[in-house]
PDB file of all heavy atoms in Angstrom:
ATOM      1  N   THR A   1       0.829  -1.210   0.000  1.00  0.00           N
ATOM      2  CA  THR A   1       0.000   0.000   0.000  1.00  0.00           C
ATOM      3  C   THR A   1       0.862   1.258   0.000  1.00  0.00           C
ATOM      4  O   THR A   1       0.592   2.211  -0.739  1.00  0.00           O
ATOM      5  CB  THR A   1      -0.925   0.000   1.236  1.00  0.00           C
ATOM      6  OG1 THR A   1      -1.682  -1.206   1.258  1.00  0.00           O
ATOM      7  CG2 THR A   1      -1.862   1.182   1.208  1.00  0.00           C
ATOM      8  N   LEU A   2       1.907   1.276   0.829  1.00  0.00           N
ATOM      9  CA  LEU A   2       2.789   2.446   0.872  1.00  0.00           C
ATOM     10  C   LEU A   2       3.499   2.647  -0.462  1.00  0.00           C
ATOM     11  O   LEU A   2       3.659   3.787  -0.927  1.00  0.00           O
ATOM     12  CB  LEU A   2       3.809   2.287   2.005  1.00  0.00           C
ATOM     13  CG  LEU A   2       3.238   2.273   3.432  1.00  0.00           C
ATOM     14  CD1 LEU A   2       4.344   2.023   4.448  1.00  0.00           C
ATOM     15  CD2 LEU A   2       2.510   3.574   3.745  1.00  0.00           C
ATOM     16  N   VAL A   3       3.935   1.552  -1.089  1.00  0.00           N
ATOM     17  CA  VAL A   3       4.579   1.663  -2.406  1.00  0.00           C
ATOM     18  C   VAL A   3       3.578   2.168  -3.431  1.00  0.00           C
ATOM     19  O   VAL A   3       3.895   3.046  -4.248  1.00  0.00           O
ATOM     20  CB  VAL A   3       5.154   0.286  -2.827  1.00  0.00           C
ATOM     21  CG1 VAL A   3       5.553   0.307  -4.294  1.00  0.00           C
ATOM     22  CG2 VAL A   3       6.358  -0.069  -1.959  1.00  0.00           C
ATOM     23  N   ALA A   4       2.351   1.641  -3.399  1.00  0.00           N
ATOM     24  CA  ALA A   4       1.322   2.085  -4.342  1.00  0.00           C
ATOM     25  C   ALA A   4       0.972   3.557  -4.142  1.00  0.00           C
ATOM     26  O   ALA A   4       0.635   4.259  -5.102  1.00  0.00           O
ATOM     27  CB  ALA A   4       0.071   1.218  -4.196  1.00  0.00           C
ATOM     28  N   LEU A   5       1.064   4.009  -2.921  1.00  0.00           N
ATOM     29  CA  LEU A   5       0.776   5.419  -2.622  1.00  0.00           C
ATOM     30  C   LEU A   5       1.980   6.316  -2.868  1.00  0.00           C
ATOM     31  O   LEU A   5       1.930   7.515  -2.586  1.00  0.00           O
ATOM     32  CB  LEU A   5       0.331   5.561  -1.153  1.00  0.00           C
ATOM     33  CG  LEU A   5      -1.057   5.008  -0.805  1.00  0.00           C
ATOM     34  CD1 LEU A   5      -1.274   5.011   0.701  1.00  0.00           C
ATOM     35  CD2 LEU A   5      -2.151   5.818  -1.494  1.00  0.00           C
ATOM     36  N   ALA A   6       3.082   5.730  -3.367  1.00  0.00           N
ATOM     37  CA  ALA A   6       4.291   6.484  -3.693  1.00  0.00           C
ATOM     38  C   ALA A   6       4.881   7.184  -2.479  1.00  0.00           C
ATOM     39  O   ALA A   6       5.421   8.292  -2.579  1.00  0.00           O
ATOM     40  CB  ALA A   6       4.016   7.481  -4.812  1.00  0.00           C
ATOM     41  N   VAL A   7       4.779   6.554  -1.321  1.00  0.00           N
ATOM     42  CA  VAL A   7       5.430   7.091  -0.120  1.00  0.00           C
ATOM     43  C   VAL A   7       6.936   6.916  -0.286  1.00  0.00           C
ATOM     44  O   VAL A   7       7.386   5.842  -0.731  1.00  0.00           O
ATOM     45  CB  VAL A   7       4.934   6.357   1.145  1.00  0.00           C
ATOM     46  CG1 VAL A   7       5.699   6.811   2.374  1.00  0.00           C
ATOM     47  CG2 VAL A   7       3.439   6.588   1.319  1.00  0.00           C
ATOM     48  N   PRO A   8       7.749   7.928   0.020  1.00  0.00           N
ATOM     49  CA  PRO A   8       9.204   7.801  -0.142  1.00  0.00           C
ATOM     50  C   PRO A   8       9.749   6.564   0.566  1.00  0.00           C
ATOM     51  O   PRO A   8       9.269   6.175   1.632  1.00  0.00           O
ATOM     52  CB  PRO A   8       9.734   9.093   0.491  1.00  0.00           C
ATOM     53  CG  PRO A   8       8.616  10.064   0.332  1.00  0.00           C
ATOM     54  CD  PRO A   8       7.358   9.262   0.476  1.00  0.00           C
ATOM     55  N   ALA A   9      10.753   5.945  -0.069  1.00  0.00           N
ATOM     56  CA  ALA A   9      11.300   4.684   0.443  1.00  0.00           C
ATOM     57  C   ALA A   9      11.762   4.812   1.893  1.00  0.00           C
ATOM     58  O   ALA A   9      11.541   3.907   2.709  1.00  0.00           O
ATOM     59  CB  ALA A   9      12.454   4.222  -0.444  1.00  0.00           C
ATOM     60  N   GLU A  10      12.404   5.928   2.223  1.00  0.00           N
ATOM     61  CA  GLU A  10      12.899   6.113   3.595  1.00  0.00           C
ATOM     62  C   GLU A  10      11.752   6.078   4.596  1.00  0.00           C
ATOM     63  O   GLU A  10      11.854   5.466   5.665  1.00  0.00           O
ATOM     64  CB  GLU A  10      13.660   7.432   3.696  1.00  0.00           C
ATOM     65  CG  GLU A  10      14.262   7.693   5.062  1.00  0.00           C
ATOM     66  CD  GLU A  10      15.014   9.015   5.124  1.00  0.00           C
ATOM     67  OE1 GLU A  10      15.161   9.668   4.062  1.00  0.00           O
ATOM     68  OE2 GLU A  10      15.449   9.393   6.227  1.00  0.00           O
ATOM     69  N   ASP A  11      10.642   6.737   4.239  1.00  0.00           N
ATOM     70  CA  ASP A  11       9.483   6.744   5.131  1.00  0.00           C
ATOM     71  C   ASP A  11       8.849   5.355   5.199  1.00  0.00           C
ATOM     72  O   ASP A  11       8.390   4.921   6.260  1.00  0.00           O
ATOM     73  CB  ASP A  11       8.456   7.769   4.654  1.00  0.00           C
ATOM     74  CG  ASP A  11       8.943   9.197   4.811  1.00  0.00           C
ATOM     75  OD1 ASP A  11       9.941   9.394   5.544  1.00  0.00           O
ATOM     76  OD2 ASP A  11       8.346  10.102   4.216  1.00  0.00           O
ATOM     77  N   CYS A  12       8.805   4.646   4.070  1.00  0.00           N
ATOM     78  CA  CYS A  12       8.259   3.281   4.072  1.00  0.00           C
ATOM     79  C   CYS A  12       9.022   2.400   5.047  1.00  0.00           C
ATOM     80  O   CYS A  12       8.433   1.676   5.854  1.00  0.00           O
ATOM     81  CB  CYS A  12       8.349   2.671   2.670  1.00  0.00           C
ATOM     82  SG  CYS A  12       7.202   3.355   1.469  1.00  0.00           S
ATOM     83  N   LEU A  13      10.348   2.445   4.973  1.00  0.00           N
ATOM     84  CA  LEU A  13      11.179   1.608   5.843  1.00  0.00           C
ATOM     85  C   LEU A  13      10.971   1.966   7.306  1.00  0.00           C
ATOM     86  O   LEU A  13      10.884   1.087   8.167  1.00  0.00           O
ATOM     87  CB  LEU A  13      12.657   1.774   5.464  1.00  0.00           C
ATOM     88  CG  LEU A  13      13.034   1.341   4.045  1.00  0.00           C
ATOM     89  CD1 LEU A  13      14.508   1.613   3.779  1.00  0.00           C
ATOM     90  CD2 LEU A  13      12.726  -0.134   3.830  1.00  0.00           C
ATOM     91  N   PHE A  14      10.867   3.269   7.604  1.00  0.00           N
ATOM     92  CA  PHE A  14      10.687   3.702   8.991  1.00  0.00           C
ATOM     93  C   PHE A  14       9.345   3.219   9.535  1.00  0.00           C
ATOM     94  O   PHE A  14       9.276   2.654  10.638  1.00  0.00           O
ATOM     95  CB  PHE A  14      10.760   5.227   9.069  1.00  0.00           C
ATOM     96  CG  PHE A  14      10.547   5.772  10.449  1.00  0.00           C
ATOM     97  CD1 PHE A  14      11.583   5.819  11.366  1.00  0.00           C
ATOM     98  CD2 PHE A  14       9.296   6.222  10.856  1.00  0.00           C
ATOM     99  CE1 PHE A  14      11.388   6.306  12.649  1.00  0.00           C
ATOM    100  CE2 PHE A  14       9.088   6.706  12.133  1.00  0.00           C
ATOM    101  CZ  PHE A  14      10.143   6.747  13.017  1.00  0.00           C
ATOM    102  N   VAL A  15       8.276   3.419   8.760  1.00  0.00           N
ATOM    103  CA  VAL A  15       6.936   3.043   9.217  1.00  0.00           C
ATOM    104  C   VAL A  15       6.832   1.535   9.400  1.00  0.00           C
ATOM    105  O   VAL A  15       6.337   1.037  10.423  1.00  0.00           O
ATOM    106  CB  VAL A  15       5.868   3.544   8.225  1.00  0.00           C
ATOM    107  CG1 VAL A  15       4.499   2.999   8.589  1.00  0.00           C
ATOM    108  CG2 VAL A  15       5.837   5.072   8.211  1.00  0.00           C
ATOM    109  N   LEU A  16       7.335   0.767   8.431  1.00  0.00           N
ATOM    110  CA  LEU A  16       7.261  -0.690   8.530  1.00  0.00           C
ATOM    111  C   LEU A  16       8.049  -1.205   9.726  1.00  0.00           C
ATOM    112  O   LEU A  16       7.600  -2.104  10.445  1.00  0.00           O
ATOM    113  CB  LEU A  16       7.799  -1.322   7.240  1.00  0.00           C
ATOM    114  CG  LEU A  16       6.912  -1.158   5.997  1.00  0.00           C
ATOM    115  CD1 LEU A  16       7.666  -1.585   4.755  1.00  0.00           C
ATOM    116  CD2 LEU A  16       5.623  -1.957   6.141  1.00  0.00           C
ATOM    117  N   GLY A  17       9.233  -0.639   9.959  1.00  0.00           N
ATOM    118  CA  GLY A  17      10.052  -1.086  11.080  1.00  0.00           C
ATOM    119  C   GLY A  17       9.439  -0.780  12.429  1.00  0.00           C
ATOM    120  O   GLY A  17       9.618  -1.532  13.389  1.00  0.00           O
ATOM    121  N   LYS A  18       8.686   0.331  12.511  1.00  0.00           N
ATOM    122  CA  LYS A  18       8.048   0.705  13.781  1.00  0.00           C
ATOM    123  C   LYS A  18       6.812  -0.148  14.070  1.00  0.00           C
ATOM    124  O   LYS A  18       6.558  -0.506  15.223  1.00  0.00           O
ATOM    125  CB  LYS A  18       7.649   2.191  13.754  1.00  0.00           C
ATOM    126  CG  LYS A  18       8.808   3.157  13.902  1.00  0.00           C
ATOM    127  CD  LYS A  18       9.409   3.083  15.292  1.00  0.00           C
ATOM    128  CE  LYS A  18      10.488   4.111  15.498  1.00  0.00           C
ATOM    129  NZ  LYS A  18      11.086   4.022  16.848  1.00  0.00           N
ATOM    130  N   ILE A  19       6.048  -0.472  13.032  1.00  0.00           N
ATOM    131  CA  ILE A  19       4.807  -1.217  13.240  1.00  0.00           C
ATOM    132  C   ILE A  19       5.065  -2.712  13.369  1.00  0.00           C
ATOM    133  O   ILE A  19       4.425  -3.401  14.168  1.00  0.00           O
ATOM    134  CB  ILE A  19       3.822  -0.942  12.086  1.00  0.00           C
ATOM    135  CG1 ILE A  19       3.452   0.545  12.057  1.00  0.00           C
ATOM    136  CG2 ILE A  19       2.564  -1.785  12.226  1.00  0.00           C
ATOM    137  CD1 ILE A  19       2.536   0.933  10.931  1.00  0.00           C
ATOM    138  N   TYR A  20       6.023  -3.218  12.574  1.00  0.00           N
ATOM    139  CA  TYR A  20       6.325  -4.651  12.583  1.00  0.00           C
ATOM    140  C   TYR A  20       7.783  -4.840  13.005  1.00  0.00           C
ATOM    141  O   TYR A  20       8.691  -4.729  12.158  1.00  0.00           O
ATOM    142  CB  TYR A  20       6.082  -5.264  11.200  1.00  0.00           C
ATOM    143  CG  TYR A  20       4.717  -4.952  10.637  1.00  0.00           C
ATOM    144  CD1 TYR A  20       4.548  -4.005   9.635  1.00  0.00           C
ATOM    145  CD2 TYR A  20       3.583  -5.591  11.130  1.00  0.00           C
ATOM    146  CE1 TYR A  20       3.294  -3.707   9.130  1.00  0.00           C
ATOM    147  CE2 TYR A  20       2.323  -5.306  10.638  1.00  0.00           C
ATOM    148  CZ  TYR A  20       2.180  -4.359   9.643  1.00  0.00           C
ATOM    149  OH  TYR A  20       0.937  -4.070   9.158  1.00  0.00           O
ATOM    150  N   PRO A  21       8.033  -5.104  14.286  1.00  0.00           N
ATOM    151  CA  PRO A  21       9.417  -5.184  14.789  1.00  0.00           C
ATOM    152  C   PRO A  21      10.287  -6.167  14.026  1.00  0.00           C
ATOM    153  O   PRO A  21      11.500  -5.957  13.908  1.00  0.00           O
ATOM    154  CB  PRO A  21       9.220  -5.625  16.247  1.00  0.00           C
ATOM    155  CG  PRO A  21       7.850  -5.128  16.611  1.00  0.00           C
ATOM    156  CD  PRO A  21       7.049  -5.259  15.360  1.00  0.00           C
ATOM    157  N   HIS A  22       9.694  -7.244  13.479  1.00  0.00           N
ATOM    158  CA  HIS A  22      10.528  -8.220  12.773  1.00  0.00           C
ATOM    159  C   HIS A  22      11.071  -7.665  11.461  1.00  0.00           C
ATOM    160  O   HIS A  22      11.965  -8.269  10.860  1.00  0.00           O
ATOM    161  CB  HIS A  22       9.733  -9.501  12.508  1.00  0.00           C
ATOM    162  CG  HIS A  22       8.619  -9.325  11.517  1.00  0.00           C
ATOM    163  ND1 HIS A  22       7.395  -8.759  11.857  1.00  0.00           N
ATOM    164  CD2 HIS A  22       8.533  -9.627  10.187  1.00  0.00           C
ATOM    165  CE1 HIS A  22       6.618  -8.738  10.790  1.00  0.00           C
ATOM    166  NE2 HIS A  22       7.282  -9.261   9.763  1.00  0.00           N
ATOM    167  N   LEU A  23      10.575  -6.519  11.015  1.00  0.00           N
ATOM    168  CA  LEU A  23      11.075  -5.889   9.796  1.00  0.00           C
ATOM    169  C   LEU A  23      12.090  -4.794  10.082  1.00  0.00           C
ATOM    170  O   LEU A  23      12.602  -4.168   9.148  1.00  0.00           O
ATOM    171  CB  LEU A  23       9.911  -5.297   8.992  1.00  0.00           C
ATOM    172  CG  LEU A  23       8.866  -6.286   8.456  1.00  0.00           C
ATOM    173  CD1 LEU A  23       7.765  -5.533   7.732  1.00  0.00           C
ATOM    174  CD2 LEU A  23       9.514  -7.303   7.526  1.00  0.00           C
ATOM    175  N   ALA A  24      12.388  -4.563  11.379  1.00  0.00           N
ATOM    176  CA  ALA A  24      13.235  -3.420  11.740  1.00  0.00           C
ATOM    177  C   ALA A  24      14.690  -3.621  11.338  1.00  0.00           C
ATOM    178  O   ALA A  24      15.383  -2.672  10.999  1.00  0.00           O
ATOM    179  CB  ALA A  24      13.139  -3.153  13.246  1.00  0.00           C
ATOM    180  N   GLU A  25      15.190  -4.849  11.361  1.00  0.00           N
ATOM    181  CA  GLU A  25      16.604  -5.108  11.087  1.00  0.00           C
ATOM    182  C   GLU A  25      16.806  -5.637   9.672  1.00  0.00           C
ATOM    183  O   GLU A  25      17.130  -6.802   9.468  1.00  0.00           O
ATOM    184  CB  GLU A  25      17.152  -6.112  12.108  1.00  0.00           C
ATOM    185  CG  GLU A  25      17.083  -5.641  13.546  1.00  0.00           C
ATOM    186  CD  GLU A  25      17.955  -4.417  13.783  1.00  0.00           C
ATOM    187  OE1 GLU A  25      18.958  -4.267  13.055  1.00  0.00           O
ATOM    188  OE2 GLU A  25      17.640  -3.620  14.684  1.00  0.00           O
ATOM    189  N   GLY A  26      16.591  -4.792   8.682  1.00  0.00           N
ATOM    190  CA  GLY A  26      16.843  -5.185   7.298  1.00  0.00           C
ATOM    191  C   GLY A  26      15.682  -5.860   6.610  1.00  0.00           C
ATOM    192  O   GLY A  26      15.688  -5.989   5.375  1.00  0.00           O
ATOM    193  N   GLY A  27      14.698  -6.327   7.357  1.00  0.00           N
ATOM    194  CA  GLY A  27      13.576  -7.015   6.739  1.00  0.00           C
ATOM    195  C   GLY A  27      12.749  -6.107   5.857  1.00  0.00           C
ATOM    196  O   GLY A  27      12.244  -6.532   4.803  1.00  0.00           O
ATOM    197  N   ALA A  28      12.583  -4.859   6.262  1.00  0.00           N
ATOM    198  CA  ALA A  28      11.783  -3.922   5.479  1.00  0.00           C
ATOM    199  C   ALA A  28      12.424  -3.646   4.123  1.00  0.00           C
ATOM    200  O   ALA A  28      11.738  -3.569   3.096  1.00  0.00           O
ATOM    201  CB  ALA A  28      11.581  -2.622   6.259  1.00  0.00           C
ATOM    202  N   GLU A  29      13.762  -3.497   4.099  1.00  0.00           N
ATOM    203  CA  GLU A  29      14.460  -3.240   2.837  1.00  0.00           C
ATOM    204  C   GLU A  29      14.235  -4.391   1.855  1.00  0.00           C
ATOM    205  O   GLU A  29      13.936  -4.179   0.676  1.00  0.00           O
ATOM    206  CB  GLU A  29      15.962  -3.057   3.074  1.00  0.00           C
ATOM    207  CG  GLU A  29      16.317  -1.760   3.766  1.00  0.00           C
ATOM    208  CD  GLU A  29      16.345  -1.898   5.275  1.00  0.00           C
ATOM    209  OE1 GLU A  29      15.681  -2.831   5.796  1.00  0.00           O
ATOM    210  OE2 GLU A  29      17.014  -1.090   5.930  1.00  0.00           O
ATOM    211  N   ALA A  30      14.371  -5.626   2.364  1.00  0.00           N
ATOM    212  CA  ALA A  30      14.185  -6.790   1.495  1.00  0.00           C
ATOM    213  C   ALA A  30      12.750  -6.877   0.990  1.00  0.00           C
ATOM    214  O   ALA A  30      12.507  -7.216  -0.176  1.00  0.00           O
ATOM    215  CB  ALA A  30      14.562  -8.066   2.249  1.00  0.00           C
ATOM    216  N   LEU A  31      11.797  -6.559   1.849  1.00  0.00           N
ATOM    217  CA  LEU A  31      10.389  -6.631   1.459  1.00  0.00           C
ATOM    218  C   LEU A  31      10.076  -5.597   0.381  1.00  0.00           C
ATOM    219  O   LEU A  31       9.441  -5.913  -0.638  1.00  0.00           O
ATOM    220  CB  LEU A  31       9.503  -6.420   2.685  1.00  0.00           C
ATOM    221  CG  LEU A  31       7.993  -6.410   2.447  1.00  0.00           C
ATOM    222  CD1 LEU A  31       7.546  -7.708   1.777  1.00  0.00           C
ATOM    223  CD2 LEU A  31       7.247  -6.223   3.769  1.00  0.00           C
ATOM    224  N   ILE A  32      10.511  -4.357   0.578  1.00  0.00           N
ATOM    225  CA  ILE A  32      10.262  -3.296  -0.401  1.00  0.00           C
ATOM    226  C   ILE A  32      10.923  -3.637  -1.735  1.00  0.00           C
ATOM    227  O   ILE A  32      10.353  -3.432  -2.812  1.00  0.00           O
ATOM    228  CB  ILE A  32      10.769  -1.945   0.123  1.00  0.00           C
ATOM    229  CG1 ILE A  32       9.949  -1.498   1.349  1.00  0.00           C
ATOM    230  CG2 ILE A  32      10.710  -0.876  -0.960  1.00  0.00           C
ATOM    231  CD1 ILE A  32       8.510  -1.207   1.065  1.00  0.00           C
ATOM    232  N   ALA A  33      12.147  -4.183  -1.670  1.00  0.00           N
ATOM    233  CA  ALA A  33      12.875  -4.518  -2.899  1.00  0.00           C
ATOM    234  C   ALA A  33      12.176  -5.606  -3.697  1.00  0.00           C
ATOM    235  O   ALA A  33      12.331  -5.689  -4.921  1.00  0.00           O
ATOM    236  CB  ALA A  33      14.302  -4.945  -2.556  1.00  0.00           C
ATOM    237  N   SER A  34      11.403  -6.450  -3.018  1.00  0.00           N
ATOM    238  CA  SER A  34      10.733  -7.562  -3.708  1.00  0.00           C
ATOM    239  C   SER A  34       9.438  -7.144  -4.391  1.00  0.00           C
ATOM    240  O   SER A  34       8.835  -7.948  -5.104  1.00  0.00           O
ATOM    241  CB  SER A  34      10.428  -8.682  -2.705  1.00  0.00           C
ATOM    242  OG  SER A  34       9.405  -8.284  -1.791  1.00  0.00           O
ATOM    243  N   LEU A  35       8.994  -5.912  -4.181  1.00  0.00           N
ATOM    244  CA  LEU A  35       7.705  -5.477  -4.708  1.00  0.00           C
ATOM    245  C   LEU A  35       7.862  -4.770  -6.042  1.00  0.00           C
ATOM    246  O   LEU A  35       8.823  -4.010  -6.250  1.00  0.00           O
ATOM    247  CB  LEU A  35       7.016  -4.544  -3.702  1.00  0.00           C
ATOM    248  CG  LEU A  35       6.702  -5.129  -2.331  1.00  0.00           C
ATOM    249  CD1 LEU A  35       6.072  -4.059  -1.433  1.00  0.00           C
ATOM    250  CD2 LEU A  35       5.767  -6.324  -2.449  1.00  0.00           C
ATOM    251  N   ASP A  36       6.900  -4.986  -6.926  1.00  0.00           N
ATOM    252  CA  ASP A  36       6.827  -4.254  -8.187  1.00  0.00           C
ATOM    253  C   ASP A  36       5.777  -3.156  -8.023  1.00  0.00           C
ATOM    254  O   ASP A  36       4.605  -3.450  -7.743  1.00  0.00           O
ATOM    255  CB  ASP A  36       6.414  -5.192  -9.327  1.00  0.00           C
ATOM    256  CG  ASP A  36       6.276  -4.433 -10.637  1.00  0.00           C
ATOM    257  OD1 ASP A  36       7.311  -4.188 -11.282  1.00  0.00           O
ATOM    258  OD2 ASP A  36       5.139  -4.056 -10.993  1.00  0.00           O
ATOM    259  N   PRO A  37       6.156  -1.897  -8.147  1.00  0.00           N
ATOM    260  CA  PRO A  37       5.204  -0.797  -7.903  1.00  0.00           C
ATOM    261  C   PRO A  37       3.927  -0.899  -8.727  1.00  0.00           C
ATOM    262  O   PRO A  37       2.841  -0.620  -8.224  1.00  0.00           O
ATOM    263  CB  PRO A  37       6.014   0.453  -8.264  1.00  0.00           C
ATOM    264  CG  PRO A  37       7.442   0.049  -8.034  1.00  0.00           C
ATOM    265  CD  PRO A  37       7.518  -1.390  -8.435  1.00  0.00           C
ATOM    266  N   ALA A  38       4.043  -1.295 -10.006  1.00  0.00           N
ATOM    267  CA  ALA A  38       2.843  -1.386 -10.853  1.00  0.00           C
ATOM    268  C   ALA A  38       1.904  -2.471 -10.344  1.00  0.00           C
ATOM    269  O   ALA A  38       0.681  -2.265 -10.258  1.00  0.00           O
ATOM    270  CB  ALA A  38       3.251  -1.663 -12.298  1.00  0.00           C
ATOM    271  N   GLU A  39       2.473  -3.612  -9.982  1.00  0.00           N
ATOM    272  CA  GLU A  39       1.635  -4.691  -9.464  1.00  0.00           C
ATOM    273  C   GLU A  39       1.016  -4.307  -8.128  1.00  0.00           C
ATOM    274  O   GLU A  39      -0.151  -4.623  -7.853  1.00  0.00           O
ATOM    275  CB  GLU A  39       2.470  -5.967  -9.314  1.00  0.00           C
ATOM    276  CG  GLU A  39       2.907  -6.583 -10.633  1.00  0.00           C
ATOM    277  CD  GLU A  39       3.708  -7.848 -10.423  1.00  0.00           C
ATOM    278  OE1 GLU A  39       3.918  -8.231  -9.247  1.00  0.00           O
ATOM    279  OE2 GLU A  39       4.135  -8.457 -11.426  1.00  0.00           O
ATOM    280  N   ALA A  40       1.804  -3.642  -7.291  1.00  0.00           N
ATOM    281  CA  ALA A  40       1.280  -3.200  -5.988  1.00  0.00           C
ATOM    282  C   ALA A  40       0.116  -2.238  -6.184  1.00  0.00           C
ATOM    283  O   ALA A  40      -0.902  -2.312  -5.489  1.00  0.00           O
ATOM    284  CB  ALA A  40       2.389  -2.546  -5.171  1.00  0.00           C
ATOM    285  N   THR A  41       0.249  -1.333  -7.163  1.00  0.00           N
ATOM    286  CA  THR A  41      -0.816  -0.360  -7.415  1.00  0.00           C
ATOM    287  C   THR A  41      -2.093  -1.060  -7.868  1.00  0.00           C
ATOM    288  O   THR A  41      -3.193  -0.747  -7.398  1.00  0.00           O
ATOM    289  CB  THR A  41      -0.362   0.650  -8.475  1.00  0.00           C
ATOM    290  OG1 THR A  41       0.791   1.344  -7.991  1.00  0.00           O
ATOM    291  CG2 THR A  41      -1.470   1.655  -8.775  1.00  0.00           C
ATOM    292  N   LEU A  42      -1.952  -2.023  -8.797  1.00  0.00           N
ATOM    293  CA  LEU A  42      -3.130  -2.757  -9.270  1.00  0.00           C
ATOM    294  C   LEU A  42      -3.807  -3.505  -8.124  1.00  0.00           C
ATOM    295  O   LEU A  42      -5.040  -3.542  -8.024  1.00  0.00           O
ATOM    296  CB  LEU A  42      -2.722  -3.744 -10.366  1.00  0.00           C
ATOM    297  CG  LEU A  42      -2.297  -3.124 -11.700  1.00  0.00           C
ATOM    298  CD1 LEU A  42      -1.790  -4.209 -12.653  1.00  0.00           C
ATOM    299  CD2 LEU A  42      -3.458  -2.364 -12.341  1.00  0.00           C
TER     300      LEU A  42
END
């Protein structure tokens, strides 16, 4: 949703790490990198 809403990557990583602790140590970066913005938007 954050990628589809074009939220800046830095803010995406911060928000994901705060809400989901298991994504705080590098997990958020890997998750964002695995997403295709066009597919996420659809």
